[in-house]
Amino acid sequence: MKILVVGANGKIGKHLVSLIQKNDNLEAKAMIRNKEQASFFEDLGAEISIVDLEQDIDAIANAAEGVDAIVFTAGSGGHTGKDKTIMVDLDGAVKTIEAAKVADVKRFIMISSFDTSREAIQEAASSFAPYVAAKHYADEWLKNSDLDYTIIHPGLLTNDKGTGQVELGSDVERGEVPREDIASVIAASLENDTTIGKEFQVVSGKNPIKEALDSLN
């Protein structure tokens, strides 16, 4: 299975491409913004596509040609303004969903925010609300598509080494989770049809990732 990783140069994206390249059943295609980001992925033997998420749908669709699944891990980051939040976290996500349709790619995994409910938008601090709103509408767009989607809502992301153990479900208590473990959840979800049509929150816990995904209902 070939996977287009959108936002591959991010911290989750790099972990994910590394995991995919170690998996005999999976193959990564890293979508990055510029050539300067390529060496990390070249060293892993991953295919590379240079596309900026602010380009049009066709550019993203061209990157998705020949892949079996798309993982959207891109994000504007905490140091950008509301404009980048709209252009990357909302419009970039929606364009990628539409590009999947153009390229006839059915499987789509979205990395969202921990809580993207309408209530979370209303309760968020003014500086954070645009990000939550962007993620909310991107998630809704994906759920209303005809794609085989999975939406993953990670807790507070850390750079700690992954443990391979999580708690996940439709409503879990807020907590931290290593980015490496989120990458592992994505990789495992790609090979587990139980996750299709599901969205779930993920924090660190005591359940092995595969078992936790198998228990989804």
N, C-alpha and C. Protein backbone atom coordinates (compact mmCIF):
# COMPACT_ATOMS: atom_id res chain seq x y z
N MET A 1 0.85 -1.19 0.00
CA MET A 1 0.00 0.00 0.00
C MET A 1 0.88 1.24 0.00
N LYS A 2 0.68 2.11 -0.98
CA LYS A 2 1.45 3.35 -1.04
C LYS A 2 0.65 4.48 -0.39
N ILE A 3 1.32 5.23 0.48
CA ILE A 3 0.66 6.27 1.28
C ILE A 3 1.25 7.63 0.95
N LEU A 4 0.40 8.58 0.56
CA LEU A 4 0.83 9.97 0.43
C LEU A 4 0.71 10.63 1.80
N VAL A 5 1.84 11.08 2.34
CA VAL A 5 1.85 11.76 3.62
C VAL A 5 1.92 13.26 3.36
N VAL A 6 0.81 13.95 3.60
CA VAL A 6 0.73 15.40 3.39
C VAL A 6 1.16 16.08 4.69
N GLY A 7 2.13 16.98 4.57
CA GLY A 7 2.73 17.55 5.77
C GLY A 7 3.83 16.66 6.30
N ALA A 8 4.52 15.97 5.39
CA ALA A 8 5.52 14.97 5.79
C ALA A 8 6.67 15.57 6.57
N ASN A 9 6.97 16.84 6.35
CA ASN A 9 8.11 17.44 7.04
C ASN A 9 7.79 17.88 8.46
N GLY A 10 6.55 17.74 8.88
CA GLY A 10 6.21 18.02 10.28
C GLY A 10 6.71 16.91 11.19
N LYS A 11 6.58 17.13 12.48
CA LYS A 11 7.14 16.15 13.43
C LYS A 11 6.41 14.81 13.39
N ILE A 12 5.08 14.84 13.31
CA ILE A 12 4.33 13.58 13.15
C ILE A 12 4.64 12.97 11.79
N GLY A 13 4.67 13.80 10.75
CA GLY A 13 4.92 13.32 9.41
C GLY A 13 6.24 12.58 9.28
N LYS A 14 7.28 13.12 9.88
CA LYS A 14 8.60 12.47 9.81
C LYS A 14 8.58 11.12 10.51
N HIS A 15 7.97 11.07 11.70
CA HIS A 15 7.83 9.78 12.39
C HIS A 15 7.05 8.79 11.52
N LEU A 16 5.98 9.27 10.88
CA LEU A 16 5.13 8.38 10.10
C LEU A 16 5.87 7.83 8.88
N VAL A 17 6.54 8.68 8.15
CA VAL A 17 7.28 8.21 6.99
C VAL A 17 8.34 7.19 7.40
N SER A 18 9.01 7.44 8.51
CA SER A 18 10.01 6.49 9.01
C SER A 18 9.38 5.14 9.32
N LEU A 19 8.22 5.16 9.98
CA LEU A 19 7.53 3.90 10.31
C LEU A 19 7.07 3.17 9.05
N ILE A 20 6.52 3.91 8.12
CA ILE A 20 6.03 3.30 6.89
C ILE A 20 7.16 2.62 6.14
N GLN A 21 8.28 3.30 6.08
CA GLN A 21 9.41 2.75 5.32
C GLN A 21 10.01 1.50 5.97
N LYS A 22 9.71 1.28 7.24
CA LYS A 22 10.17 0.07 7.93
C LYS A 22 9.15 -1.07 7.83
N ASN A 23 7.97 -0.76 7.27
CA ASN A 23 6.88 -1.73 7.18
C ASN A 23 6.87 -2.35 5.78
N ASP A 24 7.02 -3.65 5.70
CA ASP A 24 7.09 -4.33 4.40
C ASP A 24 5.80 -4.20 3.60
N ASN A 25 4.68 -3.88 4.27
CA ASN A 25 3.40 -3.79 3.58
C ASN A 25 3.05 -2.38 3.13
N LEU A 26 3.85 -1.41 3.55
CA LEU A 26 3.54 -0.01 3.27
C LEU A 26 4.71 0.67 2.57
N GLU A 27 4.38 1.73 1.82
CA GLU A 27 5.39 2.52 1.12
C GLU A 27 4.97 3.98 1.19
N ALA A 28 5.91 4.87 1.54
CA ALA A 28 5.57 6.28 1.72
C ALA A 28 5.91 7.12 0.51
N LYS A 29 5.05 8.08 0.25
CA LYS A 29 5.34 9.17 -0.68
C LYS A 29 5.20 10.45 0.12
N ALA A 30 6.29 11.17 0.30
CA ALA A 30 6.30 12.34 1.17
C ALA A 30 5.99 13.60 0.37
N MET A 31 4.92 14.30 0.73
CA MET A 31 4.60 15.57 0.10
C MET A 31 5.17 16.69 0.95
N ILE A 32 6.11 17.43 0.37
CA ILE A 32 6.81 18.50 1.09
C ILE A 32 6.73 19.79 0.29
N ARG A 33 7.05 20.91 0.96
CA ARG A 33 6.89 22.22 0.32
C ARG A 33 8.04 22.59 -0.60
N ASN A 34 9.27 22.18 -0.25
CA ASN A 34 10.42 22.60 -1.05
C ASN A 34 11.55 21.58 -1.00
N LYS A 35 12.47 21.73 -1.93
CA LYS A 35 13.56 20.77 -2.10
C LYS A 35 14.47 20.71 -0.87
N GLU A 36 14.56 21.81 -0.15
CA GLU A 36 15.44 21.85 1.02
C GLU A 36 15.02 20.85 2.10
N GLN A 37 13.78 20.39 2.05
CA GLN A 37 13.28 19.43 3.03
C GLN A 37 13.47 17.98 2.60
N ALA A 38 14.04 17.76 1.42
CA ALA A 38 14.01 16.44 0.80
C ALA A 38 15.00 15.43 1.39
N SER A 39 16.14 15.87 1.90
CA SER A 39 17.22 14.94 2.25
C SER A 39 16.80 13.90 3.28
N PHE A 40 16.00 14.30 4.27
CA PHE A 40 15.54 13.37 5.30
C PHE A 40 14.80 12.19 4.66
N PHE A 41 13.96 12.48 3.70
CA PHE A 41 13.12 11.46 3.07
C PHE A 41 13.91 10.65 2.05
N GLU A 42 14.84 11.30 1.37
CA GLU A 42 15.72 10.57 0.45
C GLU A 42 16.53 9.53 1.20
N ASP A 43 17.01 9.88 2.39
CA ASP A 43 17.79 8.94 3.19
C ASP A 43 16.96 7.72 3.60
N LEU A 44 15.64 7.90 3.72
CA LEU A 44 14.74 6.79 4.06
C LEU A 44 14.32 5.99 2.83
N GLY A 45 14.66 6.47 1.66
CA GLY A 45 14.26 5.79 0.43
C GLY A 45 12.82 6.05 0.04
N ALA A 46 12.24 7.13 0.58
CA ALA A 46 10.84 7.45 0.29
C ALA A 46 10.74 8.28 -0.99
N GLU A 47 9.68 8.05 -1.73
CA GLU A 47 9.38 8.89 -2.90
C GLU A 47 8.97 10.27 -2.40
N ILE A 48 9.26 11.30 -3.19
CA ILE A 48 9.02 12.68 -2.78
C ILE A 48 8.19 13.40 -3.83
N SER A 49 7.25 14.22 -3.37
CA SER A 49 6.50 15.10 -4.24
C SER A 49 6.53 16.50 -3.64
N ILE A 50 6.96 17.47 -4.43
CA ILE A 50 7.10 18.84 -3.91
C ILE A 50 5.87 19.64 -4.33
N VAL A 51 5.00 19.87 -3.35
CA VAL A 51 3.75 20.61 -3.57
C VAL A 51 3.47 21.45 -2.34
N ASP A 52 3.12 22.70 -2.53
CA ASP A 52 2.70 23.56 -1.44
C ASP A 52 1.18 23.45 -1.30
N LEU A 53 0.70 23.32 -0.07
CA LEU A 53 -0.75 23.19 0.15
C LEU A 53 -1.54 24.41 -0.29
N GLU A 54 -0.86 25.51 -0.54
CA GLU A 54 -1.58 26.68 -1.03
C GLU A 54 -1.70 26.68 -2.56
N GLN A 55 -1.15 25.63 -3.20
CA GLN A 55 -1.39 25.44 -4.63
C GLN A 55 -2.81 24.90 -4.84
N ASP A 56 -3.17 24.65 -6.10
CA ASP A 56 -4.54 24.27 -6.38
C ASP A 56 -4.77 22.76 -6.19
N ILE A 57 -6.03 22.36 -6.32
CA ILE A 57 -6.41 20.96 -6.13
C ILE A 57 -5.69 20.05 -7.09
N ASP A 58 -5.53 20.48 -8.34
CA ASP A 58 -4.88 19.62 -9.33
C ASP A 58 -3.44 19.31 -8.95
N ALA A 59 -2.74 20.26 -8.37
CA ALA A 59 -1.36 20.02 -7.97
C ALA A 59 -1.29 18.93 -6.90
N ILE A 60 -2.22 18.98 -5.95
CA ILE A 60 -2.26 17.96 -4.91
C ILE A 60 -2.71 16.63 -5.50
N ALA A 61 -3.68 16.67 -6.41
CA ALA A 61 -4.15 15.44 -7.06
C ALA A 61 -3.04 14.76 -7.84
N ASN A 62 -2.19 15.54 -8.48
CA ASN A 62 -1.06 14.97 -9.20
C ASN A 62 -0.12 14.23 -8.25
N ALA A 63 0.08 14.80 -7.05
CA ALA A 63 0.92 14.13 -6.06
C ALA A 63 0.28 12.84 -5.59
N ALA A 64 -1.05 12.79 -5.62
CA ALA A 64 -1.78 11.62 -5.13
C ALA A 64 -1.96 10.53 -6.18
N GLU A 65 -1.56 10.79 -7.40
CA GLU A 65 -1.70 9.78 -8.45
C GLU A 65 -0.94 8.50 -8.09
N GLY A 66 -1.63 7.38 -8.16
CA GLY A 66 -0.98 6.10 -7.94
C GLY A 66 -0.85 5.66 -6.49
N VAL A 67 -1.37 6.46 -5.54
CA VAL A 67 -1.30 6.04 -4.14
C VAL A 67 -2.60 5.36 -3.74
N ASP A 68 -2.54 4.65 -2.63
CA ASP A 68 -3.71 3.90 -2.14
C ASP A 68 -4.40 4.60 -0.98
N ALA A 69 -3.70 5.53 -0.33
CA ALA A 69 -4.26 6.24 0.82
C ALA A 69 -3.55 7.57 1.00
N ILE A 70 -4.24 8.50 1.63
CA ILE A 70 -3.67 9.81 1.95
C ILE A 70 -3.78 10.03 3.45
N VAL A 71 -2.71 10.52 4.04
CA VAL A 71 -2.73 10.93 5.44
C VAL A 71 -2.45 12.43 5.50
N PHE A 72 -3.36 13.19 6.09
CA PHE A 72 -3.19 14.64 6.21
C PHE A 72 -2.67 14.95 7.60
N THR A 73 -1.38 15.26 7.69
CA THR A 73 -0.77 15.60 8.98
C THR A 73 -0.34 17.06 9.03
N ALA A 74 -0.68 17.83 8.00
CA ALA A 74 -0.19 19.20 7.90
C ALA A 74 -0.89 20.10 8.92
N GLY A 75 -0.18 21.14 9.32
CA GLY A 75 -0.74 22.13 10.22
C GLY A 75 0.02 23.44 10.09
N SER A 76 -0.66 24.53 10.34
CA SER A 76 -0.03 25.84 10.18
C SER A 76 0.96 26.14 11.29
N GLY A 77 0.86 25.42 12.42
CA GLY A 77 1.78 25.66 13.53
C GLY A 77 1.28 26.74 14.46
N GLY A 78 1.88 26.79 15.64
CA GLY A 78 1.40 27.71 16.67
C GLY A 78 1.89 29.13 16.54
N HIS A 79 2.76 29.41 15.56
CA HIS A 79 3.36 30.74 15.47
C HIS A 79 2.91 31.50 14.24
N THR A 80 1.87 31.01 13.59
CA THR A 80 1.35 31.71 12.42
C THR A 80 0.05 32.42 12.76
N GLY A 81 -0.39 33.25 11.86
CA GLY A 81 -1.62 34.00 12.10
C GLY A 81 -2.85 33.27 11.63
N LYS A 82 -4.00 33.92 11.79
CA LYS A 82 -5.28 33.32 11.41
C LYS A 82 -5.33 33.02 9.92
N ASP A 83 -4.62 33.84 9.11
CA ASP A 83 -4.65 33.63 7.67
C ASP A 83 -4.07 32.27 7.31
N LYS A 84 -2.93 31.90 7.90
CA LYS A 84 -2.32 30.61 7.62
C LYS A 84 -3.17 29.46 8.17
N THR A 85 -3.82 29.69 9.29
CA THR A 85 -4.72 28.67 9.83
C THR A 85 -5.82 28.35 8.82
N ILE A 86 -6.39 29.37 8.21
CA ILE A 86 -7.42 29.16 7.20
C ILE A 86 -6.85 28.49 5.96
N MET A 87 -5.69 28.95 5.51
CA MET A 87 -5.14 28.46 4.25
C MET A 87 -4.60 27.04 4.33
N VAL A 88 -4.11 26.63 5.50
CA VAL A 88 -3.52 25.30 5.65
C VAL A 88 -4.49 24.33 6.33
N ASP A 89 -4.91 24.67 7.54
CA ASP A 89 -5.70 23.73 8.34
C ASP A 89 -7.12 23.54 7.82
N LEU A 90 -7.65 24.55 7.14
CA LEU A 90 -8.99 24.42 6.56
C LEU A 90 -8.92 24.23 5.04
N ASP A 91 -8.49 25.26 4.33
CA ASP A 91 -8.51 25.16 2.87
C ASP A 91 -7.55 24.08 2.36
N GLY A 92 -6.38 23.95 2.97
CA GLY A 92 -5.44 22.90 2.57
C GLY A 92 -6.02 21.52 2.77
N ALA A 93 -6.72 21.33 3.88
CA ALA A 93 -7.34 20.04 4.16
C ALA A 93 -8.46 19.75 3.18
N VAL A 94 -9.32 20.74 2.94
CA VAL A 94 -10.44 20.55 2.01
C VAL A 94 -9.93 20.27 0.60
N LYS A 95 -8.91 21.01 0.17
CA LYS A 95 -8.34 20.76 -1.17
C LYS A 95 -7.76 19.36 -1.26
N THR A 96 -7.16 18.88 -0.18
CA THR A 96 -6.59 17.53 -0.20
C THR A 96 -7.69 16.48 -0.29
N ILE A 97 -8.79 16.70 0.41
CA ILE A 97 -9.95 15.80 0.31
C ILE A 97 -10.48 15.77 -1.12
N GLU A 98 -10.61 16.94 -1.72
CA GLU A 98 -11.10 17.02 -3.10
C GLU A 98 -10.09 16.40 -4.07
N ALA A 99 -8.81 16.59 -3.79
CA ALA A 99 -7.77 15.99 -4.63
C ALA A 99 -7.82 14.47 -4.57
N ALA A 100 -8.16 13.93 -3.39
CA ALA A 100 -8.29 12.48 -3.26
C ALA A 100 -9.37 11.96 -4.21
N LYS A 101 -10.46 12.71 -4.30
CA LYS A 101 -11.54 12.30 -5.22
C LYS A 101 -11.06 12.35 -6.68
N VAL A 102 -10.35 13.41 -7.03
CA VAL A 102 -9.85 13.56 -8.40
C VAL A 102 -8.91 12.41 -8.75
N ALA A 103 -8.06 12.04 -7.79
CA ALA A 103 -7.07 10.98 -8.02
C ALA A 103 -7.62 9.59 -7.76
N ASP A 104 -8.90 9.51 -7.39
CA ASP A 104 -9.57 8.23 -7.11
C ASP A 104 -8.88 7.47 -5.98
N VAL A 105 -8.58 8.19 -4.92
CA VAL A 105 -8.01 7.59 -3.71
C VAL A 105 -9.11 7.57 -2.64
N LYS A 106 -9.53 6.40 -2.21
CA LYS A 106 -10.67 6.30 -1.29
C LYS A 106 -10.28 6.43 0.18
N ARG A 107 -9.09 5.95 0.54
CA ARG A 107 -8.71 5.91 1.96
C ARG A 107 -8.07 7.22 2.37
N PHE A 108 -8.56 7.81 3.47
CA PHE A 108 -8.09 9.12 3.90
C PHE A 108 -8.05 9.18 5.42
N ILE A 109 -6.90 9.52 5.97
CA ILE A 109 -6.77 9.67 7.42
C ILE A 109 -6.43 11.13 7.73
N MET A 110 -7.21 11.73 8.59
CA MET A 110 -7.05 13.12 8.99
C MET A 110 -6.53 13.20 10.43
N ILE A 111 -5.46 13.96 10.63
CA ILE A 111 -5.01 14.27 11.98
C ILE A 111 -5.61 15.61 12.35
N SER A 112 -6.49 15.59 13.33
CA SER A 112 -7.26 16.77 13.70
C SER A 112 -6.75 17.33 15.03
N SER A 113 -7.59 18.05 15.73
CA SER A 113 -7.30 18.55 17.06
C SER A 113 -8.10 17.73 18.07
N PHE A 114 -7.74 17.79 19.34
CA PHE A 114 -8.32 16.88 20.34
C PHE A 114 -9.83 16.98 20.39
N ASP A 115 -10.36 18.21 20.38
CA ASP A 115 -11.81 18.40 20.43
C ASP A 115 -12.19 19.46 19.40
N THR A 116 -12.91 19.06 18.38
CA THR A 116 -13.31 20.00 17.32
C THR A 116 -14.83 20.18 17.30
N SER A 117 -15.46 19.93 18.41
CA SER A 117 -16.91 20.09 18.50
C SER A 117 -17.28 21.57 18.45
N ARG A 118 -18.55 21.84 18.17
CA ARG A 118 -19.04 23.22 18.20
C ARG A 118 -18.82 23.84 19.58
N GLU A 119 -19.00 23.04 20.63
CA GLU A 119 -18.79 23.54 22.00
C GLU A 119 -17.34 23.94 22.22
N ALA A 120 -16.42 23.17 21.65
CA ALA A 120 -15.00 23.48 21.82
C ALA A 120 -14.63 24.80 21.16
N ILE A 121 -15.27 25.10 20.02
CA ILE A 121 -15.02 26.39 19.38
C ILE A 121 -15.48 27.52 20.28
N GLN A 122 -16.67 27.39 20.85
CA GLN A 122 -17.23 28.44 21.68
C GLN A 122 -16.42 28.64 22.97
N GLU A 123 -15.84 27.55 23.48
CA GLU A 123 -15.14 27.62 24.75
C GLU A 123 -13.66 27.96 24.60
N ALA A 124 -13.13 27.92 23.39
CA ALA A 124 -11.70 28.13 23.18
C ALA A 124 -11.31 29.59 23.40
N ALA A 125 -10.07 29.79 23.82
CA ALA A 125 -9.53 31.15 23.92
C ALA A 125 -9.55 31.80 22.55
N SER A 126 -9.68 33.13 22.52
CA SER A 126 -9.84 33.83 21.24
C SER A 126 -8.69 33.55 20.28
N SER A 127 -7.49 33.34 20.82
CA SER A 127 -6.33 33.09 19.96
C SER A 127 -6.35 31.68 19.38
N PHE A 128 -7.06 30.76 20.03
CA PHE A 128 -7.07 29.35 19.62
C PHE A 128 -8.33 28.98 18.85
N ALA A 129 -9.38 29.77 19.03
CA ALA A 129 -10.68 29.45 18.41
C ALA A 129 -10.60 29.32 16.88
N PRO A 130 -9.87 30.18 16.16
CA PRO A 130 -9.81 30.00 14.70
C PRO A 130 -9.24 28.65 14.29
N TYR A 131 -8.26 28.15 15.03
CA TYR A 131 -7.67 26.84 14.74
C TYR A 131 -8.71 25.73 14.95
N VAL A 132 -9.43 25.79 16.07
CA VAL A 132 -10.44 24.77 16.35
C VAL A 132 -11.55 24.82 15.30
N ALA A 133 -11.95 26.03 14.92
CA ALA A 133 -12.99 26.18 13.90
C ALA A 133 -12.52 25.61 12.56
N ALA A 134 -11.28 25.89 12.19
CA ALA A 134 -10.74 25.36 10.94
C ALA A 134 -10.75 23.84 10.95
N LYS A 135 -10.31 23.26 12.04
CA LYS A 135 -10.29 21.80 12.14
C LYS A 135 -11.72 21.23 12.13
N HIS A 136 -12.64 21.92 12.80
CA HIS A 136 -14.04 21.48 12.84
C HIS A 136 -14.60 21.34 11.43
N TYR A 137 -14.44 22.39 10.64
CA TYR A 137 -15.05 22.37 9.31
C TYR A 137 -14.31 21.44 8.35
N ALA A 138 -13.00 21.29 8.53
CA ALA A 138 -12.26 20.31 7.72
C ALA A 138 -12.75 18.90 8.04
N ASP A 139 -12.94 18.61 9.33
CA ASP A 139 -13.46 17.30 9.73
C ASP A 139 -14.84 17.06 9.15
N GLU A 140 -15.70 18.07 9.22
CA GLU A 140 -17.06 17.92 8.69
C GLU A 140 -17.03 17.68 7.18
N TRP A 141 -16.16 18.38 6.49
CA TRP A 141 -16.05 18.19 5.04
C TRP A 141 -15.67 16.75 4.72
N LEU A 142 -14.73 16.21 5.50
CA LEU A 142 -14.30 14.83 5.28
C LEU A 142 -15.43 13.85 5.59
N LYS A 143 -16.12 14.07 6.69
CA LYS A 143 -17.21 13.16 7.06
C LYS A 143 -18.34 13.17 6.04
N ASN A 144 -18.53 14.29 5.36
CA ASN A 144 -19.58 14.40 4.36
C ASN A 144 -19.12 13.99 2.96
N SER A 145 -17.88 13.56 2.85
CA SER A 145 -17.38 13.05 1.58
C SER A 145 -17.75 11.57 1.46
N ASP A 146 -17.40 10.97 0.32
CA ASP A 146 -17.65 9.54 0.16
C ASP A 146 -16.37 8.74 0.37
N LEU A 147 -15.40 9.33 1.05
CA LEU A 147 -14.12 8.67 1.27
C LEU A 147 -14.18 7.72 2.46
N ASP A 148 -13.29 6.74 2.46
CA ASP A 148 -13.14 5.83 3.60
C ASP A 148 -12.24 6.51 4.63
N TYR A 149 -12.87 7.32 5.47
CA TYR A 149 -12.09 8.21 6.33
C TYR A 149 -11.84 7.63 7.72
N THR A 150 -10.79 8.13 8.33
CA THR A 150 -10.56 8.00 9.77
C THR A 150 -10.09 9.36 10.25
N ILE A 151 -10.65 9.84 11.35
CA ILE A 151 -10.23 11.12 11.93
C ILE A 151 -9.64 10.85 13.31
N ILE A 152 -8.39 11.24 13.48
CA ILE A 152 -7.68 10.99 14.73
C ILE A 152 -7.51 12.32 15.47
N HIS A 153 -7.96 12.35 16.72
CA HIS A 153 -7.90 13.55 17.55
C HIS A 153 -6.87 13.35 18.66
N PRO A 154 -5.62 13.76 18.45
CA PRO A 154 -4.60 13.53 19.47
C PRO A 154 -4.72 14.50 20.65
N GLY A 155 -4.26 14.04 21.81
CA GLY A 155 -4.16 14.91 22.97
C GLY A 155 -3.01 15.88 22.81
N LEU A 156 -2.54 16.44 23.91
CA LEU A 156 -1.43 17.41 23.88
C LEU A 156 -0.17 16.70 23.40
N LEU A 157 0.34 17.13 22.26
CA LEU A 157 1.44 16.43 21.62
C LEU A 157 2.78 16.75 22.29
N THR A 158 3.59 15.74 22.50
CA THR A 158 4.92 15.91 23.07
C THR A 158 5.95 15.26 22.15
N ASN A 159 7.21 15.57 22.39
CA ASN A 159 8.30 14.95 21.64
C ASN A 159 8.93 13.80 22.42
N ASP A 160 8.25 13.31 23.45
CA ASP A 160 8.75 12.16 24.20
C ASP A 160 8.80 10.93 23.31
N LYS A 161 9.63 9.98 23.67
CA LYS A 161 9.68 8.73 22.93
C LYS A 161 8.36 7.99 23.10
N GLY A 162 7.88 7.40 22.02
CA GLY A 162 6.62 6.67 22.07
C GLY A 162 6.71 5.43 22.95
N THR A 163 5.59 5.08 23.56
CA THR A 163 5.52 3.89 24.41
C THR A 163 4.82 2.73 23.72
N GLY A 164 4.06 3.04 22.66
CA GLY A 164 3.27 2.00 21.99
C GLY A 164 1.99 1.67 22.72
N GLN A 165 1.69 2.45 23.77
CA GLN A 165 0.47 2.20 24.55
C GLN A 165 -0.35 3.47 24.65
N VAL A 166 -1.65 3.34 24.43
CA VAL A 166 -2.53 4.51 24.37
C VAL A 166 -3.87 4.22 25.03
N GLU A 167 -4.62 5.27 25.20
CA GLU A 167 -6.06 5.17 25.48
C GLU A 167 -6.74 5.90 24.34
N LEU A 168 -7.70 5.28 23.72
CA LEU A 168 -8.41 5.94 22.64
C LEU A 168 -9.89 5.60 22.67
N GLY A 169 -10.68 6.53 22.15
CA GLY A 169 -12.12 6.34 22.13
C GLY A 169 -12.80 7.64 21.73
N SER A 170 -14.12 7.61 21.71
CA SER A 170 -14.88 8.79 21.28
C SER A 170 -14.84 9.91 22.30
N ASP A 171 -14.55 9.57 23.56
CA ASP A 171 -14.53 10.60 24.61
C ASP A 171 -13.59 10.14 25.71
N VAL A 172 -12.34 10.59 25.63
CA VAL A 172 -11.36 10.22 26.66
C VAL A 172 -10.92 11.48 27.40
N GLU A 173 -10.38 11.29 28.58
CA GLU A 173 -9.91 12.41 29.39
C GLU A 173 -8.70 13.04 28.74
N ARG A 174 -8.64 14.37 28.76
CA ARG A 174 -7.51 15.08 28.16
C ARG A 174 -6.19 14.60 28.77
N GLY A 175 -5.18 14.57 27.93
CA GLY A 175 -3.86 14.17 28.41
C GLY A 175 -2.84 14.35 27.31
N GLU A 176 -1.62 13.99 27.60
CA GLU A 176 -0.54 14.11 26.64
C GLU A 176 -0.39 12.83 25.83
N VAL A 177 0.30 12.95 24.71
CA VAL A 177 0.61 11.77 23.89
C VAL A 177 1.83 12.11 23.02
N PRO A 178 2.82 11.23 22.97
CA PRO A 178 3.97 11.49 22.10
C PRO A 178 3.58 11.49 20.62
N ARG A 179 4.19 12.36 19.87
CA ARG A 179 3.96 12.37 18.42
C ARG A 179 4.30 11.03 17.79
N GLU A 180 5.33 10.37 18.32
CA GLU A 180 5.72 9.07 17.79
C GLU A 180 4.59 8.05 17.93
N ASP A 181 3.85 8.12 19.04
CA ASP A 181 2.72 7.21 19.23
C ASP A 181 1.58 7.54 18.28
N ILE A 182 1.36 8.82 18.00
CA ILE A 182 0.32 9.17 17.03
C ILE A 182 0.68 8.63 15.65
N ALA A 183 1.96 8.73 15.29
CA ALA A 183 2.40 8.15 14.02
C ALA A 183 2.15 6.64 13.99
N SER A 184 2.38 5.99 15.11
CA SER A 184 2.13 4.54 15.18
C SER A 184 0.65 4.22 15.06
N VAL A 185 -0.20 5.06 15.65
CA VAL A 185 -1.65 4.88 15.53
C VAL A 185 -2.07 5.04 14.07
N ILE A 186 -1.50 6.02 13.37
CA ILE A 186 -1.83 6.22 11.96
C ILE A 186 -1.43 4.99 11.15
N ALA A 187 -0.18 4.54 11.34
CA ALA A 187 0.32 3.39 10.58
C ALA A 187 -0.54 2.16 10.82
N ALA A 188 -0.92 1.94 12.08
CA ALA A 188 -1.76 0.78 12.40
C ALA A 188 -3.16 0.93 11.82
N SER A 189 -3.68 2.15 11.79
CA SER A 189 -5.01 2.40 11.24
C SER A 189 -5.06 2.12 9.75
N LEU A 190 -3.96 2.38 9.07
CA LEU A 190 -3.91 2.13 7.63
C LEU A 190 -4.12 0.65 7.30
N GLU A 191 -3.76 -0.21 8.24
CA GLU A 191 -3.87 -1.65 8.02
C GLU A 191 -5.03 -2.27 8.78
N ASN A 192 -5.91 -1.43 9.30
CA ASN A 192 -7.02 -1.93 10.11
C ASN A 192 -8.33 -1.31 9.63
N ASP A 193 -9.13 -2.08 8.93
CA ASP A 193 -10.38 -1.56 8.38
C ASP A 193 -11.41 -1.21 9.45
N THR A 194 -11.18 -1.65 10.69
CA THR A 194 -12.07 -1.28 11.79
C THR A 194 -12.13 0.23 11.96
N THR A 195 -11.07 0.93 11.54
CA THR A 195 -11.00 2.37 11.76
C THR A 195 -11.72 3.18 10.69
N ILE A 196 -12.17 2.53 9.63
CA ILE A 196 -12.84 3.26 8.55
C ILE A 196 -14.19 3.77 9.03
N GLY A 197 -14.44 5.05 8.76
CA GLY A 197 -15.69 5.67 9.18
C GLY A 197 -15.71 6.03 10.66
N LYS A 198 -14.55 6.03 11.29
CA LYS A 198 -14.47 6.30 12.74
C LYS A 198 -13.66 7.57 13.00
N GLU A 199 -13.97 8.22 14.12
CA GLU A 199 -13.11 9.28 14.65
C GLU A 199 -12.95 9.03 16.14
N PHE A 200 -11.75 9.29 16.64
CA PHE A 200 -11.48 8.98 18.04
C PHE A 200 -10.35 9.85 18.58
N GLN A 201 -10.42 10.07 19.89
CA GLN A 201 -9.38 10.80 20.60
C GLN A 201 -8.31 9.81 21.07
N VAL A 202 -7.07 10.31 21.18
CA VAL A 202 -5.95 9.46 21.59
C VAL A 202 -5.08 10.19 22.60
N VAL A 203 -4.82 9.55 23.73
CA VAL A 203 -3.84 10.02 24.71
C VAL A 203 -3.00 8.83 25.14
N SER A 204 -1.95 9.09 25.89
CA SER A 204 -1.15 7.99 26.41
C SER A 204 -1.99 7.14 27.35
N GLY A 205 -1.72 5.85 27.36
CA GLY A 205 -2.49 4.95 28.21
C GLY A 205 -1.76 3.65 28.44
N LYS A 206 -2.53 2.59 28.66
CA LYS A 206 -1.94 1.29 29.00
C LYS A 206 -2.30 0.20 28.00
N ASN A 207 -2.96 0.58 26.90
CA ASN A 207 -3.40 -0.42 25.94
C ASN A 207 -2.49 -0.42 24.71
N PRO A 208 -1.97 -1.57 24.31
CA PRO A 208 -1.20 -1.63 23.07
C PRO A 208 -2.02 -1.08 21.91
N ILE A 209 -1.37 -0.36 21.00
CA ILE A 209 -2.08 0.36 19.95
C ILE A 209 -2.98 -0.55 19.13
N LYS A 210 -2.47 -1.70 18.69
CA LYS A 210 -3.27 -2.58 17.85
C LYS A 210 -4.52 -3.04 18.59
N GLU A 211 -4.37 -3.42 19.86
CA GLU A 211 -5.52 -3.88 20.63
C GLU A 211 -6.53 -2.75 20.83
N ALA A 212 -6.02 -1.53 21.06
CA ALA A 212 -6.92 -0.40 21.26
C ALA A 212 -7.73 -0.13 19.99
N LEU A 213 -7.11 -0.22 18.83
CA LEU A 213 -7.83 -0.01 17.57
C LEU A 213 -8.82 -1.13 17.31
N ASP A 214 -8.44 -2.34 17.62
CA ASP A 214 -9.34 -3.49 17.40
C ASP A 214 -10.61 -3.38 18.24
N SER A 215 -10.51 -2.63 19.36
CA SER A 215 -11.66 -2.54 20.27
C SER A 215 -12.64 -1.43 19.88
N LEU A 216 -12.32 -0.67 18.84
CA LEU A 216 -13.23 0.40 18.41
C LEU A 216 -14.58 -0.18 17.99
N ASN A 217 -15.65 0.50 18.34
CA ASN A 217 -16.97 0.04 17.91
C ASN A 217 -17.79 1.20 17.40
